[in-house]
Structures are given as structure tokens and as C-alpha cells.
Amino acid sequence: MATLTAKCRRRKLAQRESFSVDACDCGALHLTIGYVTMRLDPCAYREMAAVISEALDRLPAHGATTVH
């Protein structure tokens, strides 16, 4: 895992409403959801994105969120 230091600088990769992803000089990716920020290495971020994508693919069509 990357080591966050006081000198780390972030650059915004993406942002929508209360969600954002920043890349840090130390190699970490910062995923912010509202007031919560998770600091992940790129491999962990890719795994998380794959799991979320898989879950979205399994949701019923038309945005319904009831899963049985």
C-alpha cells in the first residue's frame, strides 16, 4: 500500500455530485463518497470496480433495486 505523506498532492480524475476519485503522488487512489474517503492502491480499486460492475450487471432492468 502506498504511504500517504504530508507532501502528497492529489489530482482529480473524476467527480459526480458527492462522489470523486483522486490520484495521489504516493500512488494511492482516493475514493470519496460524501464525507467518507477510502484510500486504495490501484489493484484494490480495480477489484472494487469489478465487483461493483458485476453487481450492477445483476440488477434487474429499469433501475429496480429489489434483488431476490
Protein backbone atom coordinates (compact mmCIF):
# COMPACT_ATOMS: atom_id res chain seq x y z
CA MET A 1 0.00 0.00 0.00
CA ALA A 2 1.19 3.48 -0.78
CA THR A 3 2.31 5.59 2.14
CA LEU A 4 0.45 8.87 2.46
CA THR A 5 2.68 11.75 3.48
CA ALA A 6 2.09 15.40 4.20
CA LYS A 7 3.69 16.20 0.83
CA CYS A 8 1.26 14.08 -1.20
CA ARG A 9 -0.62 16.01 -3.85
CA ARG A 10 -3.87 14.85 -5.41
CA ARG A 11 -5.27 15.37 -8.88
CA LYS A 12 -8.96 14.92 -9.64
CA LEU A 13 -9.67 12.03 -12.01
CA ALA A 14 -13.47 12.08 -11.89
CA GLN A 15 -16.31 13.69 -9.98
CA ARG A 16 -20.11 13.46 -9.93
CA GLU A 17 -22.26 15.05 -7.25
CA SER A 18 -20.95 13.70 -3.92
CA PHE A 19 -18.58 11.11 -5.47
CA SER A 20 -15.00 11.72 -6.57
CA VAL A 21 -11.78 9.87 -7.36
CA ASP A 22 -8.37 11.49 -6.94
CA ALA A 23 -4.91 10.16 -7.81
CA CYS A 24 -2.20 10.89 -5.26
CA ASP A 25 1.55 11.40 -5.78
CA CYS A 26 2.17 8.45 -3.45
CA GLY A 27 0.34 6.09 -5.84
CA ALA A 28 -2.92 5.78 -3.93
CA LEU A 29 -6.36 6.45 -5.30
CA HIS A 30 -8.75 8.34 -3.05
CA LEU A 31 -12.43 7.44 -3.44
CA THR A 32 -14.64 10.00 -1.70
CA ILE A 33 -18.33 9.36 -1.08
CA GLY A 34 -19.85 12.26 0.82
CA TYR A 35 -17.78 12.75 3.97
CA VAL A 36 -16.00 9.37 3.73
CA THR A 37 -12.73 8.85 1.84
CA MET A 38 -11.15 5.47 1.17
CA ARG A 39 -7.50 5.34 0.16
CA LEU A 40 -6.82 2.34 -2.10
CA ASP A 41 -3.93 1.09 -4.18
CA PRO A 42 -4.78 0.83 -7.89
CA CYS A 43 -5.11 -3.00 -7.81
CA ALA A 44 -7.62 -2.86 -4.95
CA TYR A 45 -9.51 -0.08 -6.72
CA ARG A 46 -9.77 -2.18 -9.90
CA GLU A 47 -11.07 -5.14 -7.88
CA MET A 48 -13.66 -2.95 -6.18
CA ALA A 49 -14.74 -1.50 -9.55
CA ALA A 50 -15.07 -5.03 -10.98
CA VAL A 51 -17.24 -6.16 -8.05
CA ILE A 52 -19.47 -3.08 -8.34
CA SER A 53 -19.76 -3.60 -12.11
CA GLU A 54 -20.70 -7.26 -11.59
CA ALA A 55 -23.34 -6.28 -9.04
CA LEU A 56 -24.79 -3.66 -11.39
CA ASP A 57 -24.98 -6.23 -14.20
CA ARG A 58 -27.07 -8.45 -11.92
CA LEU A 59 -29.59 -5.76 -11.01
CA PRO A 60 -32.99 -6.06 -12.68
CA ALA A 61 -33.57 -3.84 -15.72
CA HIS A 62 -35.04 -0.33 -15.49
CA GLY A 63 -33.26 0.65 -12.28
CA ALA A 64 -35.26 -1.57 -9.94
CA THR A 65 -33.27 -2.32 -6.80
CA THR A 66 -35.16 -5.29 -5.36
CA VAL A 67 -32.93 -8.35 -5.64
CA HIS A 68 -34.12 -11.78 -4.53
